[in-house]
Amino acid sequence: MNKHNYPANRKPREVSYSKSYKLLQIVGEEELRKLFSNFGMYTSAKILSANIGTDISPYVVRHCRSRYKLGGANEKDNN
């Protein structure tokens, strides 16, 4: 993987509007890790949608898992 050569004064991207960011802020990494490892992405998305009151896609849950290493194959590889 190539490392990017960004300038030092580059501004970080604003991500507070994204579903995955909001999900992690509301639920937290530990709770999301527990749900994902116990139920998988589809059932976790249904549970989170019911608890939060907004529609959460299974693919948002999968993105959180792979991006933040919250469970599944990524977690097993890192231990």
N, C-alpha and C. Protein backbone atom coordinates (compact mmCIF):
# COMPACT_ATOMS: atom_id res chain seq x y z
N MET A 1 0.84 -1.17 0.00
CA MET A 1 0.00 0.00 0.00
C MET A 1 0.89 1.24 0.00
N ASN A 2 0.60 2.16 -0.88
CA ASN A 2 1.40 3.37 -0.99
C ASN A 2 1.01 4.36 0.10
N LYS A 3 2.01 4.99 0.67
CA LYS A 3 1.77 6.01 1.67
C LYS A 3 1.56 7.34 0.96
N HIS A 4 0.54 8.08 1.39
CA HIS A 4 0.25 9.36 0.76
C HIS A 4 1.24 10.41 1.21
N ASN A 5 1.54 11.31 0.32
CA ASN A 5 2.46 12.39 0.62
C ASN A 5 1.67 13.70 0.65
N TYR A 6 0.86 13.87 1.71
CA TYR A 6 0.02 15.05 1.83
C TYR A 6 0.82 16.19 2.45
N PRO A 7 0.47 17.43 2.12
CA PRO A 7 1.15 18.57 2.74
C PRO A 7 0.81 18.66 4.23
N ALA A 8 1.68 19.25 5.00
CA ALA A 8 1.51 19.33 6.45
C ALA A 8 0.31 20.19 6.83
N ASN A 9 -0.07 21.14 5.99
CA ASN A 9 -1.17 22.04 6.33
C ASN A 9 -2.53 21.56 5.80
N ARG A 10 -2.63 20.31 5.41
CA ARG A 10 -3.90 19.77 4.90
C ARG A 10 -4.91 19.67 6.03
N LYS A 11 -6.13 20.13 5.76
CA LYS A 11 -7.19 20.09 6.76
C LYS A 11 -7.82 18.71 6.80
N PRO A 12 -8.18 18.23 8.00
CA PRO A 12 -8.88 16.94 8.07
C PRO A 12 -10.30 17.06 7.52
N ARG A 13 -10.80 15.97 7.02
CA ARG A 13 -12.14 15.94 6.43
C ARG A 13 -13.19 15.94 7.54
N GLU A 14 -14.26 16.66 7.34
CA GLU A 14 -15.37 16.71 8.29
C GLU A 14 -16.23 15.46 8.09
N VAL A 15 -16.36 14.62 9.12
CA VAL A 15 -17.11 13.37 8.98
C VAL A 15 -18.25 13.24 9.98
N SER A 16 -18.58 14.32 10.68
CA SER A 16 -19.61 14.23 11.72
C SER A 16 -21.00 13.93 11.15
N TYR A 17 -21.19 14.06 9.86
CA TYR A 17 -22.49 13.78 9.24
C TYR A 17 -22.66 12.30 8.88
N SER A 18 -21.59 11.51 8.89
CA SER A 18 -21.67 10.13 8.41
C SER A 18 -22.39 9.22 9.39
N LYS A 19 -23.08 8.22 8.86
CA LYS A 19 -23.81 7.26 9.70
C LYS A 19 -22.89 6.47 10.61
N SER A 20 -21.73 6.06 10.09
CA SER A 20 -20.83 5.26 10.90
C SER A 20 -20.28 6.07 12.08
N TYR A 21 -19.97 7.34 11.86
CA TYR A 21 -19.48 8.20 12.94
C TYR A 21 -20.56 8.39 13.99
N LYS A 22 -21.78 8.67 13.55
CA LYS A 22 -22.89 8.87 14.48
C LYS A 22 -23.17 7.59 15.26
N LEU A 23 -23.11 6.46 14.58
CA LEU A 23 -23.35 5.18 15.22
C LEU A 23 -22.33 4.92 16.33
N LEU A 24 -21.08 5.17 16.04
CA LEU A 24 -20.04 4.96 17.06
C LEU A 24 -20.18 5.94 18.22
N GLN A 25 -20.63 7.15 17.96
CA GLN A 25 -20.82 8.13 19.03
C GLN A 25 -21.99 7.73 19.93
N ILE A 26 -23.06 7.21 19.34
CA ILE A 26 -24.26 6.85 20.11
C ILE A 26 -24.06 5.53 20.86
N VAL A 27 -23.59 4.52 20.15
CA VAL A 27 -23.52 3.16 20.71
C VAL A 27 -22.20 2.91 21.42
N GLY A 28 -21.11 3.31 20.82
CA GLY A 28 -19.80 3.05 21.37
C GLY A 28 -19.16 1.82 20.75
N GLU A 29 -17.85 1.79 20.77
CA GLU A 29 -17.12 0.69 20.13
C GLU A 29 -17.35 -0.65 20.82
N GLU A 30 -17.36 -0.66 22.14
CA GLU A 30 -17.50 -1.93 22.87
C GLU A 30 -18.86 -2.59 22.61
N GLU A 31 -19.92 -1.79 22.66
CA GLU A 31 -21.25 -2.33 22.41
C GLU A 31 -21.39 -2.83 20.98
N LEU A 32 -20.84 -2.07 20.03
CA LEU A 32 -20.88 -2.49 18.63
C LEU A 32 -20.07 -3.76 18.42
N ARG A 33 -18.95 -3.88 19.10
CA ARG A 33 -18.12 -5.09 19.02
C ARG A 33 -18.88 -6.30 19.55
N LYS A 34 -19.57 -6.13 20.69
CA LYS A 34 -20.34 -7.23 21.27
C LYS A 34 -21.47 -7.67 20.34
N LEU A 35 -22.21 -6.68 19.83
CA LEU A 35 -23.32 -7.01 18.93
C LEU A 35 -22.83 -7.72 17.68
N PHE A 36 -21.76 -7.20 17.08
CA PHE A 36 -21.28 -7.79 15.84
C PHE A 36 -20.76 -9.20 16.05
N SER A 37 -20.00 -9.41 17.11
CA SER A 37 -19.44 -10.74 17.32
C SER A 37 -20.51 -11.76 17.73
N ASN A 38 -21.59 -11.30 18.37
CA ASN A 38 -22.65 -12.23 18.77
C ASN A 38 -23.67 -12.50 17.67
N PHE A 39 -24.00 -11.49 16.88
CA PHE A 39 -25.12 -11.61 15.95
C PHE A 39 -24.77 -11.47 14.47
N GLY A 40 -23.63 -10.90 14.13
CA GLY A 40 -23.29 -10.66 12.74
C GLY A 40 -23.84 -9.32 12.27
N MET A 41 -23.58 -8.99 11.01
CA MET A 41 -23.89 -7.64 10.55
C MET A 41 -25.38 -7.40 10.32
N TYR A 42 -26.11 -8.38 9.82
CA TYR A 42 -27.53 -8.17 9.50
C TYR A 42 -28.39 -8.04 10.76
N THR A 43 -28.23 -8.94 11.69
CA THR A 43 -29.02 -8.88 12.92
C THR A 43 -28.60 -7.70 13.78
N SER A 44 -27.31 -7.38 13.80
CA SER A 44 -26.84 -6.20 14.54
C SER A 44 -27.46 -4.93 14.00
N ALA A 45 -27.57 -4.84 12.69
CA ALA A 45 -28.18 -3.66 12.07
C ALA A 45 -29.65 -3.55 12.46
N LYS A 46 -30.37 -4.67 12.52
CA LYS A 46 -31.78 -4.63 12.92
C LYS A 46 -31.92 -4.21 14.37
N ILE A 47 -31.07 -4.75 15.25
CA ILE A 47 -31.11 -4.40 16.67
C ILE A 47 -30.79 -2.92 16.86
N LEU A 48 -29.75 -2.44 16.20
CA LEU A 48 -29.36 -1.03 16.32
C LEU A 48 -30.43 -0.11 15.76
N SER A 49 -31.05 -0.49 14.66
CA SER A 49 -32.12 0.33 14.08
C SER A 49 -33.28 0.46 15.06
N ALA A 50 -33.63 -0.64 15.72
CA ALA A 50 -34.73 -0.60 16.68
C ALA A 50 -34.36 0.22 17.91
N ASN A 51 -33.14 0.09 18.40
CA ASN A 51 -32.71 0.81 19.60
C ASN A 51 -32.54 2.30 19.37
N ILE A 52 -31.97 2.67 18.24
CA ILE A 52 -31.65 4.06 17.97
C ILE A 52 -32.86 4.80 17.40
N GLY A 53 -33.67 4.12 16.63
CA GLY A 53 -34.84 4.75 16.04
C GLY A 53 -34.59 5.30 14.64
N THR A 54 -33.46 4.99 14.07
CA THR A 54 -33.16 5.39 12.70
C THR A 54 -32.68 4.16 11.95
N ASP A 55 -32.85 4.17 10.65
CA ASP A 55 -32.48 3.00 9.85
C ASP A 55 -30.97 2.89 9.73
N ILE A 56 -30.43 1.77 10.18
CA ILE A 56 -28.99 1.48 10.07
C ILE A 56 -28.83 0.33 9.09
N SER A 57 -28.04 0.55 8.07
CA SER A 57 -27.79 -0.46 7.07
C SER A 57 -26.78 -1.49 7.60
N PRO A 58 -26.92 -2.75 7.20
CA PRO A 58 -25.92 -3.75 7.58
C PRO A 58 -24.53 -3.38 7.08
N TYR A 59 -24.49 -2.64 5.98
CA TYR A 59 -23.20 -2.28 5.41
C TYR A 59 -22.52 -1.16 6.19
N VAL A 60 -23.29 -0.36 6.92
CA VAL A 60 -22.69 0.62 7.84
C VAL A 60 -22.02 -0.13 8.98
N VAL A 61 -22.68 -1.17 9.48
CA VAL A 61 -22.11 -1.99 10.55
C VAL A 61 -20.84 -2.68 10.06
N ARG A 62 -20.88 -3.19 8.83
CA ARG A 62 -19.70 -3.85 8.26
C ARG A 62 -18.56 -2.86 8.08
N HIS A 63 -18.88 -1.64 7.64
CA HIS A 63 -17.85 -0.62 7.47
C HIS A 63 -17.20 -0.29 8.82
N CYS A 64 -17.99 -0.16 9.86
CA CYS A 64 -17.44 0.12 11.19
C CYS A 64 -16.54 -1.02 11.64
N ARG A 65 -16.96 -2.24 11.37
CA ARG A 65 -16.16 -3.39 11.76
C ARG A 65 -14.81 -3.38 11.07
N SER A 66 -14.80 -3.15 9.78
CA SER A 66 -13.53 -3.21 9.06
C SER A 66 -12.68 -1.98 9.31
N ARG A 67 -13.29 -0.82 9.42
CA ARG A 67 -12.53 0.42 9.62
C ARG A 67 -11.94 0.52 11.02
N TYR A 68 -12.71 0.14 12.03
CA TYR A 68 -12.28 0.29 13.41
C TYR A 68 -11.90 -1.04 14.05
N LYS A 69 -11.84 -2.12 13.25
CA LYS A 69 -11.43 -3.44 13.71
C LYS A 69 -12.22 -3.87 14.95
N LEU A 70 -13.54 -3.96 14.75
CA LEU A 70 -14.43 -4.22 15.87
C LEU A 70 -14.82 -5.68 16.05
N GLY A 71 -14.44 -6.56 15.16
CA GLY A 71 -14.83 -7.95 15.36
C GLY A 71 -14.62 -8.75 14.10
N GLY A 72 -15.01 -9.99 14.17
CA GLY A 72 -14.91 -10.87 13.00
C GLY A 72 -13.47 -11.25 12.70
N ALA A 73 -13.17 -11.47 11.43
CA ALA A 73 -11.85 -11.94 11.01
C ALA A 73 -10.75 -10.94 11.35
N ASN A 74 -11.03 -9.64 11.26
CA ASN A 74 -10.02 -8.64 11.56
C ASN A 74 -9.56 -8.73 13.00
N GLU A 75 -10.48 -8.94 13.93
CA GLU A 75 -10.12 -9.01 15.33
C GLU A 75 -9.28 -10.27 15.61
N LYS A 76 -9.64 -11.38 15.00
CA LYS A 76 -8.90 -12.62 15.22
C LYS A 76 -7.47 -12.52 14.67
N ASP A 77 -7.32 -11.83 13.55
CA ASP A 77 -5.99 -11.69 12.96
C ASP A 77 -5.06 -10.81 13.79
N ASN A 78 -5.63 -9.83 14.49
CA ASN A 78 -4.82 -8.88 15.24
C ASN A 78 -4.44 -9.38 16.62
N ASN A 79 -5.07 -10.44 17.12
CA ASN A 79 -4.74 -10.95 18.46
C ASN A 79 -3.64 -11.95 18.42
